């Protein structure tokens, strides 16, 4: 899928979050797409923590926009967002995780409404636990007169002192299930590590 410049600009705007803006200097961090001969992965390698997600799809390619991947004709992004410094993340319970993730969602929605100056409707949320990771799944309809994107869908989970946010723009309303299926598979393959990953080695592994 080749995206028009106006769509690229819109997605760039969506990829920037207001979460923790008052607490930290925001830095946008995205997972990288590593495409191999037999399998592909999304990978983020930090100094002390990393994660990977396996991609199960017929077609995978880099998007026109850095930080996005095109998976079975669906644009997908995986973003890391710092949790505010004052948030107590010790002895996390499922209830505390839900509280932090719900706050994250509300920050994102507030940013979307104030900065993008677009309303949204039909906000729906659900909780999924996939491979031991609690995800807040949330999606909403764009304004009916908006011609670029019909819906937005997000899968958000805590990752040490950050939020891993999988998101996808839905260009046609009836493509929501397709986007949700792709994000569910990605989220369900999430593996986290307490170390930095060697991307060159990973690239060699997936090209064997």
N, C-alpha and C. Protein backbone atom coordinates (compact mmCIF):
# COMPACT_ATOMS: atom_id res chain seq x y z
N UNK A 1 0.84 -1.20 0.00
CA UNK A 1 0.00 0.00 0.00
C UNK A 1 0.88 1.24 0.00
N UNK A 2 0.74 2.08 -1.02
CA UNK A 2 1.47 3.34 -1.08
C UNK A 2 0.55 4.43 -0.57
N UNK A 3 1.00 5.15 0.45
CA UNK A 3 0.14 6.15 1.08
C UNK A 3 0.39 7.53 0.50
N UNK A 4 -0.68 8.29 0.35
CA UNK A 4 -0.58 9.65 -0.12
C UNK A 4 0.05 10.53 0.96
N UNK A 5 0.71 11.64 0.55
CA UNK A 5 1.37 12.52 1.54
C UNK A 5 0.46 12.98 2.66
N UNK A 6 -0.81 13.27 2.38
CA UNK A 6 -1.71 13.75 3.42
C UNK A 6 -1.97 12.66 4.45
N UNK A 7 -2.04 11.40 4.00
CA UNK A 7 -2.23 10.28 4.92
C UNK A 7 -0.98 10.09 5.77
N UNK A 8 0.20 10.21 5.14
CA UNK A 8 1.45 10.09 5.87
C UNK A 8 1.53 11.13 6.98
N UNK A 9 1.16 12.36 6.66
CA UNK A 9 1.19 13.43 7.66
C UNK A 9 0.24 13.14 8.80
N UNK A 10 -0.94 12.61 8.47
CA UNK A 10 -1.92 12.29 9.50
C UNK A 10 -1.39 11.21 10.43
N UNK A 11 -0.78 10.16 9.87
CA UNK A 11 -0.26 9.07 10.68
C UNK A 11 0.92 9.52 11.53
N UNK A 12 1.75 10.40 10.99
CA UNK A 12 2.85 10.95 11.78
C UNK A 12 2.30 11.67 13.00
N UNK A 13 1.23 12.43 12.80
CA UNK A 13 0.61 13.17 13.90
C UNK A 13 0.06 12.21 14.95
N UNK A 14 -0.57 11.12 14.48
CA UNK A 14 -1.15 10.15 15.41
C UNK A 14 -0.08 9.43 16.21
N UNK A 15 1.13 9.29 15.65
CA UNK A 15 2.16 8.51 16.32
C UNK A 15 2.79 9.25 17.48
N UNK A 16 2.48 10.53 17.64
CA UNK A 16 3.06 11.31 18.73
C UNK A 16 2.07 11.43 19.87
N UNK A 17 2.50 11.02 21.06
CA UNK A 17 1.58 10.95 22.19
C UNK A 17 1.78 12.10 23.16
N UNK A 18 0.70 12.46 23.86
CA UNK A 18 0.78 13.48 24.90
C UNK A 18 1.07 12.86 26.26
N UNK A 19 1.05 11.53 26.33
CA UNK A 19 1.21 10.84 27.61
C UNK A 19 2.53 11.23 28.27
N UNK A 20 2.47 11.59 29.54
CA UNK A 20 3.61 11.96 30.37
C UNK A 20 4.32 13.21 29.88
N UNK A 21 3.69 14.02 29.06
CA UNK A 21 4.34 15.21 28.51
C UNK A 21 4.79 16.16 29.61
N UNK A 22 4.04 16.20 30.71
CA UNK A 22 4.38 17.09 31.81
C UNK A 22 5.48 16.52 32.69
N UNK A 23 5.72 15.22 32.57
CA UNK A 23 6.67 14.56 33.46
C UNK A 23 8.03 14.33 32.83
N UNK A 24 8.06 14.06 31.54
CA UNK A 24 9.29 13.73 30.85
C UNK A 24 9.35 14.43 29.51
N UNK A 25 10.60 14.62 29.04
CA UNK A 25 10.75 15.09 27.68
C UNK A 25 10.43 13.93 26.76
N UNK A 26 9.42 14.08 25.95
CA UNK A 26 8.91 12.98 25.14
C UNK A 26 9.89 12.62 24.03
N UNK A 27 10.11 11.35 23.86
CA UNK A 27 10.91 10.84 22.76
C UNK A 27 10.14 9.71 22.12
N UNK A 28 9.84 9.86 20.84
CA UNK A 28 9.13 8.82 20.12
C UNK A 28 10.06 7.65 19.83
N UNK A 29 9.70 6.47 20.23
CA UNK A 29 10.50 5.28 19.99
C UNK A 29 9.62 4.23 19.35
N UNK A 30 10.08 3.65 18.25
CA UNK A 30 9.30 2.66 17.53
C UNK A 30 10.06 1.35 17.40
N UNK A 31 9.33 0.27 17.27
CA UNK A 31 9.95 -1.03 16.98
C UNK A 31 10.36 -1.05 15.51
N UNK A 32 11.39 -1.82 15.21
CA UNK A 32 11.86 -1.95 13.84
C UNK A 32 11.31 -3.23 13.22
N UNK A 33 11.10 -3.18 11.91
CA UNK A 33 10.70 -4.36 11.16
C UNK A 33 11.95 -5.05 10.64
N UNK A 34 12.13 -6.32 11.02
CA UNK A 34 13.19 -7.15 10.46
C UNK A 34 12.54 -8.20 9.59
N UNK A 35 12.76 -8.11 8.28
CA UNK A 35 12.11 -9.00 7.33
C UNK A 35 13.10 -10.07 6.88
N UNK A 36 12.74 -11.33 7.08
CA UNK A 36 13.60 -12.44 6.69
C UNK A 36 13.02 -13.26 5.56
N UNK A 37 13.76 -14.29 5.15
CA UNK A 37 13.32 -15.14 4.06
C UNK A 37 12.10 -15.98 4.45
N UNK A 38 12.10 -16.49 5.68
CA UNK A 38 11.04 -17.37 6.13
C UNK A 38 10.13 -16.76 7.18
N UNK A 39 10.61 -15.79 7.91
CA UNK A 39 9.77 -15.13 8.92
C UNK A 39 10.25 -13.71 9.15
N UNK A 40 9.35 -12.91 9.71
CA UNK A 40 9.67 -11.51 10.00
C UNK A 40 9.26 -11.20 11.42
N UNK A 41 9.90 -10.19 12.00
CA UNK A 41 9.59 -9.80 13.37
C UNK A 41 9.59 -8.29 13.52
N UNK A 42 8.85 -7.81 14.51
CA UNK A 42 9.00 -6.44 14.99
C UNK A 42 9.89 -6.53 16.22
N UNK A 43 10.88 -5.66 16.31
CA UNK A 43 11.82 -5.74 17.42
C UNK A 43 12.20 -4.35 17.93
N UNK A 44 12.24 -4.22 19.23
CA UNK A 44 12.78 -3.03 19.89
C UNK A 44 13.92 -3.49 20.78
N UNK A 45 15.08 -2.89 20.62
CA UNK A 45 16.24 -3.23 21.44
C UNK A 45 16.71 -1.99 22.19
N UNK A 46 16.44 -1.98 23.51
CA UNK A 46 16.88 -0.88 24.34
C UNK A 46 18.17 -1.23 25.05
N UNK A 47 18.67 -0.31 25.88
CA UNK A 47 19.92 -0.56 26.59
C UNK A 47 19.78 -1.65 27.63
N UNK A 48 18.60 -1.71 28.28
CA UNK A 48 18.40 -2.69 29.35
C UNK A 48 17.21 -3.61 29.13
N UNK A 49 16.29 -3.23 28.26
CA UNK A 49 15.10 -4.05 28.01
C UNK A 49 14.78 -4.06 26.52
N UNK A 50 14.26 -5.17 26.06
CA UNK A 50 13.93 -5.33 24.65
C UNK A 50 12.67 -6.17 24.49
N UNK A 51 12.13 -6.18 23.29
CA UNK A 51 11.01 -7.07 23.00
C UNK A 51 10.97 -7.42 21.53
N UNK A 52 10.34 -8.54 21.23
CA UNK A 52 10.11 -8.96 19.85
C UNK A 52 8.66 -9.39 19.69
N UNK A 53 8.15 -9.29 18.48
CA UNK A 53 6.84 -9.81 18.11
C UNK A 53 6.97 -10.52 16.78
N UNK A 54 6.48 -11.74 16.72
CA UNK A 54 6.51 -12.50 15.47
C UNK A 54 5.38 -12.07 14.56
N UNK A 55 5.67 -12.00 13.28
CA UNK A 55 4.67 -11.62 12.30
C UNK A 55 4.23 -12.85 11.52
N UNK A 56 2.95 -13.17 11.64
CA UNK A 56 2.36 -14.27 10.88
C UNK A 56 1.47 -13.69 9.80
N UNK A 57 1.95 -13.71 8.57
CA UNK A 57 1.20 -13.03 7.50
C UNK A 57 1.66 -13.55 6.14
N UNK A 58 0.82 -13.34 5.14
CA UNK A 58 1.17 -13.72 3.78
C UNK A 58 2.13 -12.70 3.15
N UNK A 59 1.94 -11.42 3.51
CA UNK A 59 2.81 -10.39 2.95
C UNK A 59 3.25 -9.43 4.04
N UNK A 60 4.53 -9.10 4.03
CA UNK A 60 5.11 -8.17 4.99
C UNK A 60 6.09 -7.28 4.26
N UNK A 61 5.98 -5.98 4.47
CA UNK A 61 6.95 -5.07 3.89
C UNK A 61 6.99 -3.79 4.70
N UNK A 62 8.08 -3.07 4.53
CA UNK A 62 8.22 -1.79 5.21
C UNK A 62 7.22 -0.80 4.63
N UNK A 63 6.69 0.06 5.46
CA UNK A 63 5.77 1.10 5.01
C UNK A 63 6.54 2.27 4.43
N UNK A 64 5.82 3.14 3.74
CA UNK A 64 6.44 4.38 3.27
C UNK A 64 6.86 5.26 4.43
N UNK A 65 6.25 5.04 5.58
CA UNK A 65 6.49 5.88 6.74
C UNK A 65 7.35 5.16 7.76
N UNK A 66 8.51 5.72 8.14
CA UNK A 66 9.36 5.07 9.15
C UNK A 66 8.60 4.80 10.44
N UNK A 67 8.81 3.62 11.01
CA UNK A 67 8.12 3.27 12.25
C UNK A 67 6.85 2.47 12.01
N UNK A 68 6.42 2.36 10.74
CA UNK A 68 5.23 1.60 10.40
C UNK A 68 5.60 0.40 9.55
N UNK A 69 4.80 -0.64 9.62
CA UNK A 69 4.98 -1.82 8.77
C UNK A 69 3.67 -2.11 8.05
N UNK A 70 3.77 -2.71 6.88
CA UNK A 70 2.60 -3.09 6.11
C UNK A 70 2.46 -4.61 6.19
N UNK A 71 1.47 -5.08 6.95
CA UNK A 71 1.27 -6.50 7.19
C UNK A 71 -0.07 -6.92 6.58
N UNK A 72 -0.01 -7.76 5.56
CA UNK A 72 -1.23 -8.17 4.85
C UNK A 72 -2.10 -6.96 4.50
N UNK A 73 -1.45 -5.94 3.96
CA UNK A 73 -2.10 -4.72 3.48
C UNK A 73 -2.70 -3.88 4.62
N UNK A 74 -2.26 -4.12 5.84
CA UNK A 74 -2.70 -3.33 6.99
C UNK A 74 -1.50 -2.58 7.56
N UNK A 75 -1.62 -1.27 7.69
CA UNK A 75 -0.57 -0.46 8.28
C UNK A 75 -0.58 -0.65 9.79
N UNK A 76 0.60 -0.95 10.37
CA UNK A 76 0.72 -1.23 11.80
C UNK A 76 1.93 -0.49 12.35
N UNK A 77 1.81 -0.02 13.59
CA UNK A 77 2.91 0.64 14.27
C UNK A 77 3.03 0.11 15.69
N UNK A 78 4.25 -0.04 16.17
CA UNK A 78 4.49 -0.38 17.57
C UNK A 78 5.34 0.73 18.18
N UNK A 79 4.78 1.41 19.18
CA UNK A 79 5.42 2.57 19.78
C UNK A 79 5.66 2.34 21.27
N UNK A 80 6.75 2.89 21.77
CA UNK A 80 7.06 2.87 23.20
C UNK A 80 6.83 4.25 23.79
N UNK A 81 6.11 4.29 24.90
CA UNK A 81 5.79 5.55 25.56
C UNK A 81 6.19 5.46 27.03
N UNK A 82 7.01 6.39 27.55
CA UNK A 82 7.40 6.34 28.96
C UNK A 82 6.21 6.54 29.89
N UNK A 83 6.20 5.79 30.98
CA UNK A 83 5.22 5.99 32.03
C UNK A 83 5.68 7.19 32.88
N UNK A 84 4.78 8.06 33.34
CA UNK A 84 5.19 9.20 34.17
C UNK A 84 6.04 8.77 35.35
N UNK A 85 7.05 9.56 35.69
CA UNK A 85 8.02 9.19 36.71
C UNK A 85 7.39 8.95 38.08
N UNK A 86 6.30 9.64 38.39
CA UNK A 86 5.71 9.50 39.72
C UNK A 86 4.84 8.25 39.87
N UNK A 87 4.66 7.50 38.77
CA UNK A 87 3.81 6.32 38.82
C UNK A 87 4.51 5.19 39.58
N UNK A 88 3.84 4.64 40.57
CA UNK A 88 4.39 3.54 41.35
C UNK A 88 4.13 2.22 40.62
N UNK A 89 5.22 1.61 40.12
CA UNK A 89 5.09 0.38 39.36
C UNK A 89 5.58 -0.84 40.14
N UNK A 90 5.82 -0.65 41.44
CA UNK A 90 6.24 -1.78 42.27
C UNK A 90 5.01 -2.60 42.69
N UNK A 91 5.21 -3.89 42.82
CA UNK A 91 4.13 -4.79 43.25
C UNK A 91 2.86 -4.59 42.44
N UNK A 92 3.02 -4.63 41.12
CA UNK A 92 1.89 -4.41 40.24
C UNK A 92 0.84 -5.52 40.39
N UNK A 93 -0.39 -5.10 40.54
CA UNK A 93 -1.52 -6.02 40.52
C UNK A 93 -2.27 -5.81 39.21
N UNK A 94 -3.10 -6.75 38.80
CA UNK A 94 -3.89 -6.53 37.59
C UNK A 94 -4.73 -5.24 37.68
N UNK A 95 -5.23 -4.93 38.87
CA UNK A 95 -6.02 -3.71 39.03
C UNK A 95 -5.16 -2.47 38.79
N UNK A 96 -3.91 -2.48 39.30
CA UNK A 96 -3.00 -1.35 39.09
C UNK A 96 -2.62 -1.22 37.62
N UNK A 97 -2.38 -2.33 36.97
CA UNK A 97 -2.06 -2.31 35.54
C UNK A 97 -3.22 -1.69 34.76
N UNK A 98 -4.42 -2.09 35.09
CA UNK A 98 -5.59 -1.54 34.40
C UNK A 98 -5.68 -0.02 34.62
N UNK A 99 -5.36 0.41 35.83
CA UNK A 99 -5.41 1.84 36.15
C UNK A 99 -4.41 2.63 35.31
N UNK A 100 -3.16 2.13 35.23
CA UNK A 100 -2.12 2.82 34.47
C UNK A 100 -2.46 2.84 32.98
N UNK A 101 -2.91 1.72 32.45
CA UNK A 101 -3.23 1.64 31.02
C UNK A 101 -4.46 2.47 30.66
N UNK A 102 -5.42 2.52 31.57
CA UNK A 102 -6.60 3.36 31.32
C UNK A 102 -6.21 4.83 31.31
N UNK A 103 -5.31 5.22 32.21
CA UNK A 103 -4.83 6.60 32.23
C UNK A 103 -4.10 6.92 30.93
N UNK A 104 -3.30 5.97 30.46
CA UNK A 104 -2.61 6.16 29.19
C UNK A 104 -3.61 6.39 28.06
N UNK A 105 -4.63 5.55 27.98
CA UNK A 105 -5.64 5.70 26.94
C UNK A 105 -6.31 7.07 27.00
N UNK A 106 -6.64 7.52 28.20
CA UNK A 106 -7.31 8.81 28.36
C UNK A 106 -6.42 9.97 27.93
N UNK A 107 -5.11 9.87 28.23
CA UNK A 107 -4.16 10.88 27.76
C UNK A 107 -4.14 10.92 26.23
N UNK A 108 -4.08 9.75 25.62
CA UNK A 108 -4.05 9.69 24.16
C UNK A 108 -5.32 10.29 23.55
N UNK A 109 -6.45 9.94 24.11
CA UNK A 109 -7.71 10.45 23.58
C UNK A 109 -7.83 11.96 23.77
N UNK A 110 -7.33 12.46 24.89
CA UNK A 110 -7.37 13.89 25.13
C UNK A 110 -6.47 14.62 24.14
N UNK A 111 -5.30 14.05 23.89
CA UNK A 111 -4.38 14.64 22.92
C UNK A 111 -5.01 14.64 21.53
N UNK A 112 -5.59 13.53 21.17
CA UNK A 112 -6.23 13.40 19.86
C UNK A 112 -7.31 14.47 19.68
N UNK A 113 -8.09 14.67 20.73
CA UNK A 113 -9.21 15.61 20.64
C UNK A 113 -8.74 17.05 20.63
N UNK A 114 -7.73 17.36 21.48
CA UNK A 114 -7.26 18.75 21.59
C UNK A 114 -6.33 19.15 20.45
N UNK A 115 -5.36 18.28 20.14
CA UNK A 115 -4.34 18.65 19.17
C UNK A 115 -4.76 18.40 17.73
N UNK A 116 -5.41 17.27 17.48
CA UNK A 116 -5.87 16.99 16.13
C UNK A 116 -7.18 17.68 15.82
N UNK A 117 -7.85 18.11 16.89
CA UNK A 117 -9.12 18.84 16.75
C UNK A 117 -10.15 18.03 15.98
N UNK A 118 -10.18 16.75 16.28
CA UNK A 118 -11.19 15.87 15.69
C UNK A 118 -11.94 15.17 16.82
N UNK A 119 -13.22 15.08 16.65
CA UNK A 119 -14.00 14.32 17.61
C UNK A 119 -13.86 12.83 17.32
N UNK A 120 -14.32 12.04 18.22
CA UNK A 120 -14.37 10.61 17.99
C UNK A 120 -15.65 10.10 18.65
N UNK A 121 -16.08 8.93 18.24
CA UNK A 121 -17.31 8.38 18.79
C UNK A 121 -17.20 6.87 18.92
N UNK A 122 -18.15 6.30 19.63
CA UNK A 122 -18.25 4.86 19.77
C UNK A 122 -16.95 4.24 20.30
N UNK A 123 -16.40 4.85 21.34
CA UNK A 123 -15.21 4.29 21.98
C UNK A 123 -15.57 2.96 22.64
N UNK A 124 -14.80 1.93 22.32
CA UNK A 124 -15.01 0.62 22.92
C UNK A 124 -13.70 0.10 23.48
N UNK A 125 -13.78 -0.56 24.62
CA UNK A 125 -12.58 -1.10 25.26
C UNK A 125 -12.81 -2.54 25.70
N UNK A 126 -11.74 -3.28 25.77
CA UNK A 126 -11.79 -4.64 26.32
C UNK A 126 -10.40 -5.00 26.84
N UNK A 127 -10.36 -5.99 27.71
CA UNK A 127 -9.09 -6.44 28.28
C UNK A 127 -8.78 -7.83 27.78
N UNK A 128 -7.53 -8.03 27.35
CA UNK A 128 -7.08 -9.34 26.91
C UNK A 128 -5.78 -9.69 27.64
N UNK A 129 -5.66 -10.92 28.08
CA UNK A 129 -4.39 -11.41 28.62
C UNK A 129 -3.83 -12.41 27.63
N UNK A 130 -2.68 -12.06 27.04
CA UNK A 130 -2.05 -12.87 26.01
C UNK A 130 -0.62 -13.20 26.44
N UNK A 131 -0.33 -14.47 26.61
CA UNK A 131 0.99 -14.94 27.04
C UNK A 131 1.45 -14.22 28.31
N UNK A 132 0.52 -14.01 29.21
CA UNK A 132 0.84 -13.40 30.49
C UNK A 132 0.89 -11.89 30.49
N UNK A 133 0.64 -11.26 29.34
CA UNK A 133 0.67 -9.80 29.25
C UNK A 133 -0.77 -9.27 29.18
N UNK A 134 -1.08 -8.32 30.05
CA UNK A 134 -2.41 -7.72 30.06
C UNK A 134 -2.46 -6.58 29.05
N UNK A 135 -3.38 -6.66 28.10
CA UNK A 135 -3.53 -5.64 27.06
C UNK A 135 -4.87 -4.92 27.22
N UNK A 136 -4.82 -3.62 27.11
CA UNK A 136 -6.04 -2.82 26.95
C UNK A 136 -6.25 -2.63 25.45
N UNK A 137 -7.35 -3.16 24.95
CA UNK A 137 -7.71 -3.01 23.54
C UNK A 137 -8.76 -1.91 23.45
N UNK A 138 -8.49 -0.91 22.65
CA UNK A 138 -9.43 0.20 22.54
C UNK A 138 -9.49 0.71 21.10
N UNK A 139 -10.70 1.04 20.69
CA UNK A 139 -10.89 1.51 19.32
C UNK A 139 -12.09 2.45 19.27
N UNK A 140 -12.08 3.29 18.28
CA UNK A 140 -13.15 4.29 18.16
C UNK A 140 -13.35 4.67 16.70
N UNK A 141 -14.50 5.27 16.43
CA UNK A 141 -14.83 5.73 15.08
C UNK A 141 -14.34 7.15 14.88
N UNK A 142 -13.86 7.41 13.69
CA UNK A 142 -13.51 8.77 13.30
C UNK A 142 -14.80 9.52 12.93
N UNK A 143 -14.74 10.85 12.87
CA UNK A 143 -15.92 11.60 12.42
C UNK A 143 -16.37 11.12 11.04
N UNK A 144 -17.66 11.10 10.82
CA UNK A 144 -18.21 10.58 9.56
C UNK A 144 -17.74 11.38 8.34
N UNK A 145 -17.45 12.66 8.54
CA UNK A 145 -17.01 13.47 7.40
C UNK A 145 -15.50 13.39 7.17
N UNK A 146 -14.83 12.56 7.97
CA UNK A 146 -13.39 12.41 7.79
C UNK A 146 -13.13 11.35 6.73
N UNK A 147 -12.38 11.70 5.71
CA UNK A 147 -12.26 10.84 4.53
C UNK A 147 -11.05 9.91 4.55
N UNK A 148 -10.08 10.14 5.42
CA UNK A 148 -8.84 9.37 5.36
C UNK A 148 -8.92 8.05 6.11
N UNK A 149 -9.31 8.12 7.38
CA UNK A 149 -9.32 6.94 8.23
C UNK A 149 -10.70 6.79 8.84
N UNK A 150 -11.24 5.57 8.81
CA UNK A 150 -12.57 5.32 9.36
C UNK A 150 -12.53 5.09 10.86
N UNK A 151 -11.54 4.29 11.32
CA UNK A 151 -11.42 3.95 12.73
C UNK A 151 -9.96 3.89 13.14
N UNK A 152 -9.71 3.88 14.43
CA UNK A 152 -8.38 3.67 14.99
C UNK A 152 -8.50 2.55 16.03
N UNK A 153 -7.51 1.66 16.04
CA UNK A 153 -7.51 0.58 17.02
C UNK A 153 -6.14 0.47 17.67
N UNK A 154 -6.13 0.22 18.98
CA UNK A 154 -4.90 0.17 19.76
C UNK A 154 -4.89 -1.05 20.67
N UNK A 155 -3.72 -1.64 20.84
CA UNK A 155 -3.45 -2.66 21.86
C UNK A 155 -2.33 -2.10 22.73
N UNK A 156 -2.58 -1.90 24.02
CA UNK A 156 -1.59 -1.27 24.90
C UNK A 156 -1.29 -2.16 26.10
N UNK A 157 0.00 -2.29 26.42
CA UNK A 157 0.41 -3.11 27.56
C UNK A 157 1.62 -2.49 28.23
N UNK A 158 1.80 -2.77 29.52
CA UNK A 158 2.97 -2.26 30.25
C UNK A 158 4.21 -3.06 29.91
N UNK A 159 5.32 -2.35 29.78
CA UNK A 159 6.61 -2.94 29.46
C UNK A 159 7.64 -2.26 30.36
N UNK A 160 7.87 -2.87 31.55
CA UNK A 160 8.72 -2.28 32.57
C UNK A 160 8.18 -0.89 32.91
N UNK A 161 8.94 0.21 32.66
CA UNK A 161 8.44 1.54 32.98
C UNK A 161 7.94 2.27 31.73
N UNK A 162 7.47 1.49 30.76
CA UNK A 162 6.95 2.06 29.53
C UNK A 162 5.65 1.36 29.13
N UNK A 163 5.00 1.92 28.14
CA UNK A 163 3.83 1.29 27.53
C UNK A 163 4.20 0.89 26.12
N UNK A 164 3.98 -0.37 25.78
CA UNK A 164 4.07 -0.79 24.39
C UNK A 164 2.70 -0.59 23.77
N UNK A 165 2.67 0.17 22.70
CA UNK A 165 1.39 0.50 22.07
C UNK A 165 1.40 0.03 20.63
N UNK A 166 0.58 -0.96 20.33
CA UNK A 166 0.35 -1.40 18.95
C UNK A 166 -0.86 -0.64 18.42
N UNK A 167 -0.74 -0.03 17.27
CA UNK A 167 -1.90 0.68 16.75
C UNK A 167 -2.00 0.53 15.24
N UNK A 168 -3.20 0.68 14.74
CA UNK A 168 -3.46 0.53 13.31
C UNK A 168 -4.59 1.44 12.88
N UNK A 169 -4.39 2.19 11.80
CA UNK A 169 -5.49 2.96 11.22
C UNK A 169 -6.35 2.04 10.36
N UNK A 170 -7.66 2.18 10.46
CA UNK A 170 -8.58 1.36 9.67
C UNK A 170 -9.20 2.28 8.62
N UNK A 171 -8.85 2.04 7.37
CA UNK A 171 -9.28 2.93 6.30
C UNK A 171 -10.72 2.70 5.87
N UNK A 172 -11.18 1.45 5.98
CA UNK A 172 -12.57 1.14 5.68
C UNK A 172 -13.20 0.50 6.92
N UNK A 173 -14.39 0.93 7.27
CA UNK A 173 -15.02 0.50 8.52
C UNK A 173 -15.09 -1.02 8.65
N UNK A 174 -15.34 -1.71 7.55
CA UNK A 174 -15.49 -3.17 7.64
C UNK A 174 -14.15 -3.90 7.70
N UNK A 175 -13.04 -3.15 7.74
CA UNK A 175 -11.72 -3.78 7.87
C UNK A 175 -11.26 -3.85 9.32
N UNK A 176 -12.11 -3.46 10.26
CA UNK A 176 -11.71 -3.45 11.67
C UNK A 176 -11.31 -4.84 12.15
N UNK A 177 -12.09 -5.87 11.80
CA UNK A 177 -11.78 -7.22 12.26
C UNK A 177 -10.45 -7.70 11.70
N UNK A 178 -10.14 -7.31 10.48
CA UNK A 178 -8.86 -7.68 9.88
C UNK A 178 -7.71 -7.05 10.66
N UNK A 179 -7.84 -5.75 10.96
CA UNK A 179 -6.80 -5.05 11.73
C UNK A 179 -6.68 -5.64 13.13
N UNK A 180 -7.81 -5.91 13.75
CA UNK A 180 -7.79 -6.47 15.11
C UNK A 180 -7.15 -7.84 15.13
N UNK A 181 -7.40 -8.66 14.12
CA UNK A 181 -6.80 -9.99 14.04
C UNK A 181 -5.29 -9.90 13.94
N UNK A 182 -4.79 -8.99 13.14
CA UNK A 182 -3.34 -8.83 12.98
C UNK A 182 -2.71 -8.36 14.29
N UNK A 183 -3.33 -7.38 14.95
CA UNK A 183 -2.79 -6.88 16.21
C UNK A 183 -2.84 -7.94 17.30
N UNK A 184 -3.90 -8.75 17.30
CA UNK A 184 -4.01 -9.82 18.30
C UNK A 184 -2.88 -10.84 18.14
N UNK A 185 -2.58 -11.21 16.90
CA UNK A 185 -1.49 -12.15 16.65
C UNK A 185 -0.15 -11.56 17.09
N UNK A 186 0.07 -10.29 16.78
CA UNK A 186 1.32 -9.63 17.18
C UNK A 186 1.43 -9.59 18.70
N UNK A 187 0.35 -9.12 19.35
CA UNK A 187 0.36 -9.00 20.81
C UNK A 187 0.56 -10.36 21.47
N UNK A 188 -0.04 -11.39 20.89
CA UNK A 188 0.07 -12.72 21.46
C UNK A 188 1.44 -13.35 21.30
N UNK A 189 2.30 -12.75 20.48
CA UNK A 189 3.65 -13.27 20.29
C UNK A 189 4.71 -12.45 21.04
N UNK A 190 4.26 -11.47 21.83
CA UNK A 190 5.20 -10.57 22.52
C UNK A 190 6.12 -11.34 23.46
N UNK A 191 7.42 -11.14 23.26
CA UNK A 191 8.44 -11.69 24.14
C UNK A 191 9.31 -10.54 24.64
N UNK A 192 9.53 -10.48 25.95
CA UNK A 192 10.33 -9.40 26.53
C UNK A 192 11.65 -9.95 27.07
N UNK A 193 12.66 -9.07 27.09
CA UNK A 193 14.00 -9.47 27.50
C UNK A 193 14.58 -8.41 28.43
N UNK A 194 15.41 -8.86 29.38
CA UNK A 194 16.07 -7.95 30.31
C UNK A 194 17.47 -7.58 29.83
N UNK A 195 17.61 -7.40 28.54
CA UNK A 195 18.90 -7.06 27.97
C UNK A 195 18.71 -6.46 26.58
N UNK A 196 19.78 -5.93 26.05
CA UNK A 196 19.77 -5.43 24.69
C UNK A 196 19.87 -6.61 23.72
N UNK A 197 19.25 -6.48 22.55
CA UNK A 197 19.31 -7.55 21.55
C UNK A 197 20.24 -7.16 20.41
N UNK A 198 20.91 -8.15 19.88
CA UNK A 198 21.81 -7.95 18.75
C UNK A 198 20.99 -8.05 17.47
N UNK A 199 20.68 -6.89 16.87
CA UNK A 199 19.82 -6.88 15.69
C UNK A 199 20.47 -7.56 14.49
N UNK A 200 21.78 -7.43 14.38
CA UNK A 200 22.49 -8.09 13.28
C UNK A 200 22.35 -9.61 13.40
N UNK A 201 22.48 -10.13 14.62
CA UNK A 201 22.35 -11.56 14.84
C UNK A 201 20.92 -12.02 14.56
N UNK A 202 19.92 -11.22 15.01
CA UNK A 202 18.53 -11.56 14.74
C UNK A 202 18.25 -11.60 13.24
N UNK A 203 18.82 -10.65 12.52
CA UNK A 203 18.63 -10.61 11.07
C UNK A 203 19.20 -11.86 10.41
N UNK A 204 20.34 -12.29 10.88
CA UNK A 204 20.94 -13.53 10.33
C UNK A 204 20.06 -14.73 10.64
N UNK A 205 19.51 -14.78 11.86
CA UNK A 205 18.68 -15.91 12.27
C UNK A 205 17.43 -16.05 11.41
N UNK A 206 16.76 -14.94 11.14
CA UNK A 206 15.51 -15.02 10.38
C UNK A 206 15.75 -15.16 8.88
N UNK A 207 17.01 -15.10 8.46
CA UNK A 207 17.33 -15.28 7.05
C UNK A 207 17.98 -16.63 6.77
N UNK A 208 18.06 -17.49 7.78
CA UNK A 208 18.64 -18.81 7.56
C UNK A 208 17.71 -19.70 6.74
